[in-house]
Amino acid sequence: YNLYGPTEAAVEITYQRLDEVGDTVPIGVPVWNSTAYVLDGRLNRVPDGVPGELYVGGVQLARGYAARPDLTADRFLADPFGAPGSRMYRTGDLVRRNASGELEYLGRTDFQVKLRGQRIELGEIEAAIAQAPGVVHTVVTVAKAPDGGEHLVAYVAAAAGEVLDLDAVKAATVASLPEYMRPTVWMPVEEMPL
């Protein structure tokens, strides 16, 4: 079985029995007493085969984030298809329904990644690095090493003609980011093409 579910929906919200694995592994259909909608940017359902964002709901859905009303308002929405008072969660996952009605995971709609079981917003890391002395541009990504391990990689650039003090940048990052959000590979570049 392939079980899918964000933390905000307890353990799993969809499941797929796998008799064989092909090019695509579906994340399946909603579990009992839950919902899974594929919606466009206006919260309209999209036809089968068309990519959209996954919104999930049901009795196991959290009520929101503790002490984060701003994030709760952004991610937990009234369910326009459910009973009055029901809510749904905007997962940020891009999916589509296949011809069998099963959901297929396609990727993310934002810059959030999962690394070693932790959800990370790459933009948060980039914002912290951009505050370091001498940094003009930065981009952070996740890269897979030849041994299969994944690393946060930070590309950093100073102003034209300036030399970047990478040790100072790393120290500033240590002071502002938790360990799991700190890049493990640093790549100074002369310029950052935009």
N, C-alpha and C. Protein backbone atom coordinates (compact mmCIF):
# COMPACT_ATOMS: atom_id res chain seq x y z
N TYR A 1 0.83 -1.19 0.00
CA TYR A 1 0.00 0.00 0.00
C TYR A 1 0.88 1.24 0.00
N ASN A 2 0.45 2.24 -0.75
CA ASN A 2 1.09 3.54 -0.75
C ASN A 2 0.14 4.47 0.00
N LEU A 3 0.57 5.00 1.15
CA LEU A 3 -0.24 5.89 1.95
C LEU A 3 0.30 7.31 1.83
N TYR A 4 -0.60 8.26 1.57
CA TYR A 4 -0.21 9.67 1.43
C TYR A 4 -0.97 10.48 2.47
N GLY A 5 -0.28 11.44 3.06
CA GLY A 5 -0.97 12.37 3.95
C GLY A 5 -0.02 13.36 4.58
N PRO A 6 -0.39 14.63 4.57
CA PRO A 6 0.41 15.63 5.27
C PRO A 6 0.17 15.52 6.77
N THR A 7 1.06 16.06 7.56
CA THR A 7 0.94 16.06 9.01
C THR A 7 -0.38 16.66 9.46
N GLU A 8 -0.87 17.65 8.72
CA GLU A 8 -2.10 18.35 9.09
C GLU A 8 -3.34 17.46 8.97
N ALA A 9 -3.18 16.29 8.38
CA ALA A 9 -4.30 15.35 8.24
C ALA A 9 -3.99 14.04 8.95
N ALA A 10 -3.42 14.13 10.13
CA ALA A 10 -3.07 12.97 10.96
C ALA A 10 -2.05 12.09 10.26
N VAL A 11 -2.40 10.90 9.84
CA VAL A 11 -1.41 9.99 9.27
C VAL A 11 -1.54 9.90 7.77
N GLU A 12 -2.63 9.36 7.28
CA GLU A 12 -2.82 9.29 5.84
C GLU A 12 -4.21 9.79 5.49
N ILE A 13 -4.34 10.27 4.26
CA ILE A 13 -5.65 10.74 3.79
C ILE A 13 -6.03 10.06 2.49
N THR A 14 -5.02 9.51 1.77
CA THR A 14 -5.31 8.70 0.59
C THR A 14 -4.49 7.42 0.68
N TYR A 15 -4.94 6.42 -0.06
CA TYR A 15 -4.21 5.16 -0.10
C TYR A 15 -4.33 4.56 -1.49
N GLN A 16 -3.37 3.72 -1.82
CA GLN A 16 -3.36 3.02 -3.10
C GLN A 16 -2.78 1.64 -2.88
N ARG A 17 -3.53 0.62 -3.24
CA ARG A 17 -2.99 -0.73 -3.20
C ARG A 17 -2.13 -0.91 -4.44
N LEU A 18 -0.94 -1.43 -4.25
CA LEU A 18 0.00 -1.59 -5.35
C LEU A 18 0.20 -3.08 -5.63
N ASP A 19 -0.33 -3.53 -6.76
CA ASP A 19 -0.09 -4.90 -7.19
C ASP A 19 1.18 -4.97 -8.02
N GLU A 20 1.46 -3.86 -8.70
CA GLU A 20 2.69 -3.73 -9.47
C GLU A 20 3.04 -2.25 -9.54
N VAL A 21 4.28 -1.95 -9.80
CA VAL A 21 4.73 -0.57 -9.86
C VAL A 21 5.15 -0.26 -11.29
N GLY A 22 4.54 0.77 -11.85
CA GLY A 22 4.89 1.20 -13.20
C GLY A 22 5.70 2.48 -13.16
N ASP A 23 5.58 3.27 -14.21
CA ASP A 23 6.31 4.54 -14.28
C ASP A 23 5.80 5.53 -13.24
N THR A 24 4.51 5.47 -12.95
CA THR A 24 3.90 6.37 -11.97
C THR A 24 3.30 5.54 -10.85
N VAL A 25 3.54 5.97 -9.62
CA VAL A 25 2.94 5.30 -8.47
C VAL A 25 1.84 6.23 -7.94
N PRO A 26 0.57 5.88 -8.16
CA PRO A 26 -0.52 6.74 -7.69
C PRO A 26 -0.55 6.84 -6.16
N ILE A 27 -1.02 7.98 -5.66
CA ILE A 27 -1.23 8.11 -4.22
C ILE A 27 -2.65 7.70 -3.88
N GLY A 28 -3.45 7.37 -4.88
CA GLY A 28 -4.70 6.68 -4.66
C GLY A 28 -5.95 7.51 -4.52
N VAL A 29 -6.81 7.04 -3.63
CA VAL A 29 -8.12 7.62 -3.40
C VAL A 29 -8.26 7.93 -1.92
N PRO A 30 -9.22 8.80 -1.56
CA PRO A 30 -9.38 9.15 -0.14
C PRO A 30 -9.74 7.94 0.72
N VAL A 31 -9.23 7.93 1.94
CA VAL A 31 -9.63 6.92 2.91
C VAL A 31 -11.04 7.26 3.38
N TRP A 32 -11.64 6.32 4.09
CA TRP A 32 -12.99 6.50 4.58
C TRP A 32 -13.11 7.79 5.39
N ASN A 33 -14.21 8.49 5.20
CA ASN A 33 -14.53 9.69 5.96
C ASN A 33 -13.58 10.85 5.70
N SER A 34 -13.03 10.91 4.49
CA SER A 34 -12.15 12.02 4.12
C SER A 34 -12.44 12.43 2.68
N THR A 35 -11.88 13.56 2.29
CA THR A 35 -12.07 14.07 0.93
C THR A 35 -10.73 14.45 0.34
N ALA A 36 -10.66 14.42 -0.98
CA ALA A 36 -9.48 14.87 -1.72
C ALA A 36 -9.96 15.51 -3.00
N TYR A 37 -9.75 16.81 -3.11
CA TYR A 37 -10.19 17.57 -4.29
C TYR A 37 -8.96 18.01 -5.09
N VAL A 38 -9.10 18.01 -6.40
CA VAL A 38 -8.08 18.58 -7.29
C VAL A 38 -8.70 19.86 -7.83
N LEU A 39 -8.13 21.01 -7.40
CA LEU A 39 -8.74 22.30 -7.71
C LEU A 39 -7.78 23.23 -8.43
N ASP A 40 -8.37 24.17 -9.16
CA ASP A 40 -7.56 25.19 -9.82
C ASP A 40 -7.37 26.38 -8.86
N GLY A 41 -6.79 27.45 -9.36
CA GLY A 41 -6.51 28.62 -8.53
C GLY A 41 -7.74 29.34 -8.01
N ARG A 42 -8.92 29.05 -8.59
CA ARG A 42 -10.17 29.67 -8.14
C ARG A 42 -11.03 28.70 -7.34
N LEU A 43 -10.44 27.61 -6.91
CA LEU A 43 -11.10 26.57 -6.13
C LEU A 43 -12.20 25.86 -6.90
N ASN A 44 -12.03 25.75 -8.23
CA ASN A 44 -12.94 24.96 -9.05
C ASN A 44 -12.31 23.60 -9.31
N ARG A 45 -13.13 22.56 -9.34
CA ARG A 45 -12.61 21.23 -9.65
C ARG A 45 -12.09 21.21 -11.09
N VAL A 46 -11.00 20.49 -11.30
CA VAL A 46 -10.46 20.36 -12.64
C VAL A 46 -10.83 18.97 -13.18
N PRO A 47 -10.92 18.83 -14.51
CA PRO A 47 -11.26 17.51 -15.09
C PRO A 47 -10.16 16.49 -14.85
N ASP A 48 -10.51 15.22 -14.95
CA ASP A 48 -9.52 14.15 -14.84
C ASP A 48 -8.41 14.39 -15.85
N GLY A 49 -7.18 14.12 -15.44
CA GLY A 49 -6.03 14.28 -16.32
C GLY A 49 -5.41 15.66 -16.30
N VAL A 50 -6.11 16.64 -15.71
CA VAL A 50 -5.62 18.02 -15.66
C VAL A 50 -4.97 18.27 -14.30
N PRO A 51 -3.74 18.78 -14.28
CA PRO A 51 -3.07 19.05 -13.00
C PRO A 51 -3.77 20.16 -12.23
N GLY A 52 -3.78 20.01 -10.92
CA GLY A 52 -4.32 21.02 -10.02
C GLY A 52 -3.74 20.81 -8.64
N GLU A 53 -4.07 21.71 -7.72
CA GLU A 53 -3.57 21.58 -6.35
C GLU A 53 -4.49 20.66 -5.56
N LEU A 54 -3.89 19.84 -4.70
CA LEU A 54 -4.64 18.91 -3.87
C LEU A 54 -5.10 19.59 -2.59
N TYR A 55 -6.41 19.52 -2.33
CA TYR A 55 -7.02 20.00 -1.10
C TYR A 55 -7.64 18.79 -0.43
N VAL A 56 -7.38 18.61 0.86
CA VAL A 56 -7.89 17.44 1.57
C VAL A 56 -8.73 17.88 2.76
N GLY A 57 -9.63 17.00 3.17
CA GLY A 57 -10.49 17.29 4.30
C GLY A 57 -10.98 16.01 4.93
N GLY A 58 -11.72 16.15 6.00
CA GLY A 58 -12.27 15.01 6.71
C GLY A 58 -12.11 15.17 8.20
N VAL A 59 -12.60 14.16 8.92
CA VAL A 59 -12.62 14.26 10.38
C VAL A 59 -11.22 14.29 10.99
N GLN A 60 -10.23 13.73 10.31
CA GLN A 60 -8.88 13.70 10.88
C GLN A 60 -8.08 14.97 10.59
N LEU A 61 -8.67 15.93 9.88
CA LEU A 61 -7.97 17.17 9.55
C LEU A 61 -7.79 18.03 10.80
N ALA A 62 -6.59 18.58 10.98
CA ALA A 62 -6.32 19.48 12.10
C ALA A 62 -7.19 20.72 11.99
N ARG A 63 -7.33 21.43 13.09
CA ARG A 63 -8.11 22.68 13.10
C ARG A 63 -7.27 23.87 12.64
N GLY A 64 -5.95 23.73 12.67
CA GLY A 64 -5.07 24.82 12.28
C GLY A 64 -3.73 24.66 12.95
N TYR A 65 -2.91 25.71 12.87
CA TYR A 65 -1.58 25.70 13.45
C TYR A 65 -1.61 26.43 14.79
N ALA A 66 -0.97 25.87 15.80
CA ALA A 66 -0.92 26.49 17.12
C ALA A 66 -0.18 27.82 17.04
N ALA A 67 -0.81 28.85 17.56
CA ALA A 67 -0.23 30.20 17.65
C ALA A 67 0.18 30.77 16.30
N ARG A 68 -0.42 30.29 15.21
CA ARG A 68 -0.11 30.82 13.87
C ARG A 68 -1.40 31.09 13.10
N PRO A 69 -2.19 32.08 13.52
CA PRO A 69 -3.45 32.35 12.81
C PRO A 69 -3.24 32.77 11.36
N ASP A 70 -2.10 33.42 11.06
CA ASP A 70 -1.81 33.83 9.69
C ASP A 70 -1.65 32.61 8.77
N LEU A 71 -0.87 31.63 9.22
CA LEU A 71 -0.65 30.43 8.43
C LEU A 71 -1.91 29.57 8.37
N THR A 72 -2.66 29.53 9.46
CA THR A 72 -3.92 28.79 9.48
C THR A 72 -4.88 29.36 8.44
N ALA A 73 -5.01 30.68 8.40
CA ALA A 73 -5.92 31.32 7.44
C ALA A 73 -5.49 31.06 6.00
N ASP A 74 -4.19 30.92 5.77
CA ASP A 74 -3.68 30.70 4.42
C ASP A 74 -3.91 29.26 3.96
N ARG A 75 -3.83 28.29 4.85
CA ARG A 75 -3.86 26.88 4.47
C ARG A 75 -5.17 26.15 4.75
N PHE A 76 -5.91 26.56 5.78
CA PHE A 76 -7.16 25.89 6.15
C PHE A 76 -8.32 26.76 5.69
N LEU A 77 -9.10 26.25 4.74
CA LEU A 77 -10.16 27.03 4.11
C LEU A 77 -11.51 26.36 4.31
N ALA A 78 -12.57 27.16 4.19
CA ALA A 78 -13.92 26.59 4.20
C ALA A 78 -14.05 25.65 3.01
N ASP A 79 -14.68 24.51 3.22
CA ASP A 79 -14.86 23.52 2.15
C ASP A 79 -16.13 23.86 1.38
N PRO A 80 -16.00 24.38 0.15
CA PRO A 80 -17.20 24.77 -0.61
C PRO A 80 -18.03 23.57 -1.09
N PHE A 81 -17.48 22.37 -0.99
CA PHE A 81 -18.17 21.18 -1.47
C PHE A 81 -18.72 20.33 -0.32
N GLY A 82 -18.36 20.67 0.91
CA GLY A 82 -18.73 19.86 2.07
C GLY A 82 -19.91 20.42 2.83
N ALA A 83 -20.18 19.81 3.96
CA ALA A 83 -21.26 20.25 4.84
C ALA A 83 -20.91 21.62 5.43
N PRO A 84 -21.93 22.38 5.81
CA PRO A 84 -21.65 23.69 6.43
C PRO A 84 -20.70 23.55 7.61
N GLY A 85 -19.70 24.42 7.65
CA GLY A 85 -18.71 24.41 8.72
C GLY A 85 -17.52 23.50 8.47
N SER A 86 -17.56 22.70 7.41
CA SER A 86 -16.42 21.81 7.14
C SER A 86 -15.28 22.61 6.52
N ARG A 87 -14.07 22.08 6.73
CA ARG A 87 -12.89 22.78 6.25
C ARG A 87 -12.05 21.84 5.39
N MET A 88 -11.17 22.43 4.61
CA MET A 88 -10.22 21.66 3.80
C MET A 88 -8.86 22.31 3.94
N TYR A 89 -7.84 21.52 3.65
CA TYR A 89 -6.45 21.97 3.79
C TYR A 89 -5.80 22.04 2.42
N ARG A 90 -5.17 23.17 2.14
CA ARG A 90 -4.42 23.37 0.89
C ARG A 90 -3.04 22.77 1.07
N THR A 91 -2.76 21.64 0.39
CA THR A 91 -1.53 20.90 0.62
C THR A 91 -0.30 21.51 -0.04
N GLY A 92 -0.49 22.23 -1.15
CA GLY A 92 0.65 22.71 -1.92
C GLY A 92 1.19 21.64 -2.87
N ASP A 93 0.53 20.48 -2.90
CA ASP A 93 0.95 19.39 -3.79
C ASP A 93 0.20 19.47 -5.11
N LEU A 94 0.93 19.30 -6.20
CA LEU A 94 0.35 19.29 -7.53
C LEU A 94 0.03 17.84 -7.89
N VAL A 95 -1.23 17.58 -8.24
CA VAL A 95 -1.67 16.23 -8.56
C VAL A 95 -2.60 16.27 -9.78
N ARG A 96 -2.96 15.08 -10.25
CA ARG A 96 -4.02 14.94 -11.26
C ARG A 96 -4.69 13.60 -11.01
N ARG A 97 -5.93 13.50 -11.44
CA ARG A 97 -6.64 12.22 -11.38
C ARG A 97 -6.42 11.50 -12.69
N ASN A 98 -6.08 10.21 -12.60
CA ASN A 98 -5.92 9.43 -13.83
C ASN A 98 -7.28 8.89 -14.27
N ALA A 99 -7.30 8.13 -15.35
CA ALA A 99 -8.54 7.62 -15.91
C ALA A 99 -9.27 6.69 -14.94
N SER A 100 -8.56 6.11 -13.99
CA SER A 100 -9.18 5.22 -12.99
C SER A 100 -9.68 5.98 -11.76
N GLY A 101 -9.50 7.31 -11.74
CA GLY A 101 -9.94 8.11 -10.60
C GLY A 101 -8.93 8.18 -9.47
N GLU A 102 -7.74 7.65 -9.68
CA GLU A 102 -6.68 7.67 -8.67
C GLU A 102 -5.86 8.95 -8.81
N LEU A 103 -5.40 9.45 -7.68
CA LEU A 103 -4.56 10.65 -7.69
C LEU A 103 -3.12 10.28 -8.01
N GLU A 104 -2.49 11.10 -8.85
CA GLU A 104 -1.07 10.93 -9.17
C GLU A 104 -0.34 12.19 -8.71
N TYR A 105 0.68 12.01 -7.91
CA TYR A 105 1.48 13.12 -7.40
C TYR A 105 2.42 13.60 -8.49
N LEU A 106 2.45 14.92 -8.75
CA LEU A 106 3.29 15.49 -9.80
C LEU A 106 4.41 16.37 -9.27
N GLY A 107 4.28 16.88 -8.04
CA GLY A 107 5.30 17.76 -7.49
C GLY A 107 4.67 18.78 -6.56
N ARG A 108 5.38 19.89 -6.34
CA ARG A 108 4.91 20.95 -5.46
C ARG A 108 4.49 22.16 -6.26
N THR A 109 3.57 22.96 -5.69
CA THR A 109 3.16 24.21 -6.31
C THR A 109 3.94 25.39 -5.74
N ASP A 110 4.74 25.13 -4.71
CA ASP A 110 5.53 26.18 -4.09
C ASP A 110 6.98 25.73 -4.00
N PHE A 111 7.77 26.37 -3.19
CA PHE A 111 9.18 26.02 -3.07
C PHE A 111 9.46 25.22 -1.80
N GLN A 112 8.44 24.53 -1.30
CA GLN A 112 8.62 23.71 -0.11
C GLN A 112 9.19 22.36 -0.53
N VAL A 113 10.12 21.88 0.27
CA VAL A 113 10.71 20.57 0.02
C VAL A 113 10.66 19.78 1.32
N LYS A 114 10.84 18.48 1.21
CA LYS A 114 10.93 17.64 2.39
C LYS A 114 12.31 17.02 2.38
N LEU A 115 13.04 17.23 3.47
CA LEU A 115 14.41 16.73 3.58
C LEU A 115 14.55 16.05 4.94
N ARG A 116 14.90 14.79 4.91
CA ARG A 116 15.06 13.99 6.13
C ARG A 116 13.85 14.11 7.05
N GLY A 117 12.65 14.06 6.46
CA GLY A 117 11.41 14.09 7.24
C GLY A 117 10.96 15.47 7.69
N GLN A 118 11.71 16.52 7.36
CA GLN A 118 11.36 17.88 7.75
C GLN A 118 10.87 18.66 6.55
N ARG A 119 9.77 19.39 6.72
CA ARG A 119 9.30 20.28 5.67
C ARG A 119 10.08 21.58 5.74
N ILE A 120 10.57 22.02 4.61
CA ILE A 120 11.43 23.21 4.57
C ILE A 120 10.96 24.12 3.43
N GLU A 121 10.81 25.39 3.74
CA GLU A 121 10.54 26.42 2.73
C GLU A 121 11.89 26.97 2.30
N LEU A 122 12.28 26.71 1.06
CA LEU A 122 13.58 27.18 0.58
C LEU A 122 13.68 28.70 0.66
N GLY A 123 12.57 29.39 0.46
CA GLY A 123 12.57 30.84 0.53
C GLY A 123 12.96 31.38 1.90
N GLU A 124 12.60 30.65 2.96
CA GLU A 124 12.99 31.07 4.31
C GLU A 124 14.50 31.01 4.48
N ILE A 125 15.11 29.96 3.93
CA ILE A 125 16.56 29.82 4.03
C ILE A 125 17.23 30.92 3.20
N GLU A 126 16.72 31.13 2.00
CA GLU A 126 17.29 32.18 1.13
C GLU A 126 17.19 33.54 1.79
N ALA A 127 16.06 33.84 2.45
CA ALA A 127 15.89 35.13 3.12
C ALA A 127 16.91 35.29 4.25
N ALA A 128 17.16 34.22 5.00
CA ALA A 128 18.14 34.29 6.10
C ALA A 128 19.55 34.50 5.55
N ILE A 129 19.90 33.79 4.49
CA ILE A 129 21.24 33.94 3.91
C ILE A 129 21.41 35.33 3.31
N ALA A 130 20.35 35.87 2.71
CA ALA A 130 20.43 37.20 2.08
C ALA A 130 20.72 38.30 3.10
N GLN A 131 20.44 38.05 4.38
CA GLN A 131 20.73 39.03 5.44
C GLN A 131 22.19 39.00 5.89
N ALA A 132 22.93 37.98 5.47
CA ALA A 132 24.33 37.85 5.88
C ALA A 132 25.17 38.94 5.21
N PRO A 133 26.25 39.36 5.86
CA PRO A 133 27.08 40.43 5.30
C PRO A 133 27.70 40.04 3.96
N GLY A 134 27.53 40.94 2.99
CA GLY A 134 28.14 40.76 1.68
C GLY A 134 27.33 39.98 0.67
N VAL A 135 26.26 39.32 1.09
CA VAL A 135 25.47 38.52 0.15
C VAL A 135 24.52 39.43 -0.62
N VAL A 136 24.57 39.33 -1.95
CA VAL A 136 23.67 40.10 -2.80
C VAL A 136 22.58 39.20 -3.37
N HIS A 137 22.95 38.00 -3.78
CA HIS A 137 21.99 37.04 -4.33
C HIS A 137 22.25 35.67 -3.73
N THR A 138 21.18 34.91 -3.57
CA THR A 138 21.32 33.53 -3.10
C THR A 138 20.18 32.68 -3.63
N VAL A 139 20.47 31.43 -3.86
CA VAL A 139 19.48 30.43 -4.24
C VAL A 139 19.81 29.17 -3.47
N VAL A 140 18.79 28.52 -2.93
CA VAL A 140 18.98 27.27 -2.19
C VAL A 140 18.17 26.18 -2.88
N THR A 141 18.75 25.01 -2.96
CA THR A 141 18.08 23.86 -3.56
C THR A 141 18.49 22.60 -2.81
N VAL A 142 17.80 21.52 -3.11
CA VAL A 142 18.17 20.21 -2.56
C VAL A 142 18.82 19.43 -3.69
N ALA A 143 19.99 18.86 -3.42
CA ALA A 143 20.70 18.06 -4.43
C ALA A 143 20.99 16.68 -3.85
N LYS A 144 20.96 15.70 -4.72
CA LYS A 144 21.24 14.32 -4.32
C LYS A 144 22.71 14.02 -4.59
N ALA A 145 23.38 13.49 -3.58
CA ALA A 145 24.79 13.11 -3.71
C ALA A 145 24.89 11.75 -4.38
N PRO A 146 26.07 11.42 -4.91
CA PRO A 146 26.24 10.11 -5.56
C PRO A 146 25.90 8.93 -4.64
N ASP A 147 26.06 9.11 -3.33
CA ASP A 147 25.74 8.02 -2.40
C ASP A 147 24.25 7.95 -2.07
N GLY A 148 23.44 8.84 -2.66
CA GLY A 148 22.01 8.83 -2.44
C GLY A 148 21.54 9.80 -1.37
N GLY A 149 22.45 10.34 -0.57
CA GLY A 149 22.09 11.31 0.45
C GLY A 149 21.67 12.63 -0.17
N GLU A 150 20.80 13.34 0.52
CA GLU A 150 20.34 14.64 0.02
C GLU A 150 20.94 15.75 0.87
N HIS A 151 21.27 16.86 0.22
CA HIS A 151 21.91 17.99 0.89
C HIS A 151 21.23 19.28 0.48
N LEU A 152 21.15 20.21 1.44
CA LEU A 152 20.76 21.58 1.10
C LEU A 152 21.98 22.27 0.54
N VAL A 153 21.85 22.82 -0.65
CA VAL A 153 22.96 23.50 -1.31
C VAL A 153 22.61 24.97 -1.45
N ALA A 154 23.50 25.84 -0.98
CA ALA A 154 23.31 27.28 -1.07
C ALA A 154 24.29 27.85 -2.08
N TYR A 155 23.76 28.52 -3.09
CA TYR A 155 24.57 29.27 -4.05
C TYR A 155 24.51 30.72 -3.61
N VAL A 156 25.66 31.36 -3.42
CA VAL A 156 25.71 32.73 -2.93
C VAL A 156 26.62 33.57 -3.81
N ALA A 157 26.21 34.83 -4.00
CA ALA A 157 27.01 35.76 -4.80
C ALA A 157 27.10 37.10 -4.08
N ALA A 158 28.28 37.71 -4.19
CA ALA A 158 28.50 39.05 -3.63
C ALA A 158 28.29 40.07 -4.75
N ALA A 159 28.38 41.34 -4.40
CA ALA A 159 28.29 42.40 -5.40
C ALA A 159 29.46 42.26 -6.36
N ALA A 160 29.28 42.75 -7.59
CA ALA A 160 30.33 42.66 -8.61
C ALA A 160 31.64 43.23 -8.07
N GLY A 161 32.71 42.47 -8.22
CA GLY A 161 34.03 42.90 -7.78
C GLY A 161 34.31 42.70 -6.30
N GLU A 162 33.32 42.29 -5.53
CA GLU A 162 33.50 42.07 -4.09
C GLU A 162 33.85 40.61 -3.82
N VAL A 163 34.54 40.38 -2.71
CA VAL A 163 34.87 39.02 -2.29
C VAL A 163 33.98 38.66 -1.11
N LEU A 164 33.35 37.53 -1.18
CA LEU A 164 32.43 37.09 -0.15
C LEU A 164 33.17 36.35 0.96
N ASP A 165 32.92 36.73 2.20
CA ASP A 165 33.49 36.03 3.35
C ASP A 165 32.52 34.90 3.70
N LEU A 166 32.79 33.72 3.15
CA LEU A 166 31.88 32.58 3.32
C LEU A 166 31.75 32.15 4.77
N ASP A 167 32.83 32.29 5.56
CA ASP A 167 32.75 31.93 6.98
C ASP A 167 31.77 32.84 7.72
N ALA A 168 31.77 34.13 7.38
CA ALA A 168 30.83 35.07 8.02
C ALA A 168 29.39 34.76 7.61
N VAL A 169 29.21 34.36 6.36
CA VAL A 169 27.87 33.99 5.88
C VAL A 169 27.37 32.76 6.63
N LYS A 170 28.23 31.76 6.76
CA LYS A 170 27.86 30.54 7.48
C LYS A 170 27.53 30.86 8.94
N ALA A 171 28.33 31.71 9.58
CA ALA A 171 28.09 32.08 10.99
C ALA A 171 26.75 32.79 11.15
N ALA A 172 26.42 33.67 10.22
CA ALA A 172 25.14 34.37 10.28
C ALA A 172 23.98 33.39 10.10
N THR A 173 24.18 32.39 9.26
CA THR A 173 23.15 31.39 9.03
C THR A 173 22.94 30.53 10.27
N VAL A 174 24.03 30.16 10.94
CA VAL A 174 23.94 29.37 12.17
C VAL A 174 23.14 30.13 13.23
N ALA A 175 23.32 31.45 13.26
CA ALA A 175 22.64 32.26 14.26
C ALA A 175 21.15 32.44 13.97
N SER A 176 20.73 32.27 12.71
CA SER A 176 19.34 32.57 12.37
C SER A 176 18.50 31.38 11.94
N LEU A 177 19.11 30.22 11.70
CA LEU A 177 18.35 29.07 11.22
C LEU A 177 18.57 27.85 12.10
N PRO A 178 17.52 27.04 12.30
CA PRO A 178 17.73 25.78 13.03
C PRO A 178 18.62 24.85 12.20
N GLU A 179 19.23 23.89 12.85
CA GLU A 179 20.22 23.04 12.19
C GLU A 179 19.68 22.35 10.94
N TYR A 180 18.44 21.85 10.98
CA TYR A 180 17.92 21.12 9.83
C TYR A 180 17.68 22.00 8.61
N MET A 181 17.70 23.34 8.80
CA MET A 181 17.50 24.26 7.68
C MET A 181 18.82 24.88 7.20
N ARG A 182 19.93 24.48 7.77
CA ARG A 182 21.21 25.06 7.37
C ARG A 182 21.79 24.28 6.20
N PRO A 183 22.22 24.98 5.15
CA PRO A 183 22.86 24.28 4.03
C PRO A 183 24.11 23.53 4.48
N THR A 184 24.33 22.37 3.88
CA THR A 184 25.52 21.58 4.16
C THR A 184 26.55 21.73 3.06
N VAL A 185 26.14 22.27 1.93
CA VAL A 185 27.05 22.53 0.81
C VAL A 185 26.89 24.00 0.42
N TRP A 186 28.02 24.70 0.30
CA TRP A 186 28.03 26.13 -0.06
C TRP A 186 28.76 26.30 -1.37
N MET A 187 28.14 27.02 -2.30
CA MET A 187 28.73 27.23 -3.62
C MET A 187 28.80 28.74 -3.90
N PRO A 188 29.97 29.36 -3.65
CA PRO A 188 30.09 30.78 -4.02
C PRO A 188 30.15 30.89 -5.55
N VAL A 189 29.43 31.83 -6.08
CA VAL A 189 29.44 32.07 -7.53
C VAL A 189 29.71 33.55 -7.76
N GLU A 190 30.35 33.85 -8.90
CA GLU A 190 30.70 35.23 -9.19
C GLU A 190 29.47 36.08 -9.49
N GLU A 191 28.52 35.48 -10.18
CA GLU A 191 27.28 36.21 -10.48
C GLU A 191 26.13 35.23 -10.51
N MET A 192 24.93 35.76 -10.29
CA MET A 192 23.72 34.94 -10.26
C MET A 192 22.85 35.38 -11.42
N PRO A 193 22.89 34.65 -12.53
CA PRO A 193 22.05 35.04 -13.65
C PRO A 193 20.56 35.02 -13.24
N LEU A 194 19.86 36.06 -13.60
CA LEU A 194 18.44 36.16 -13.24
C LEU A 194 17.58 35.98 -14.49
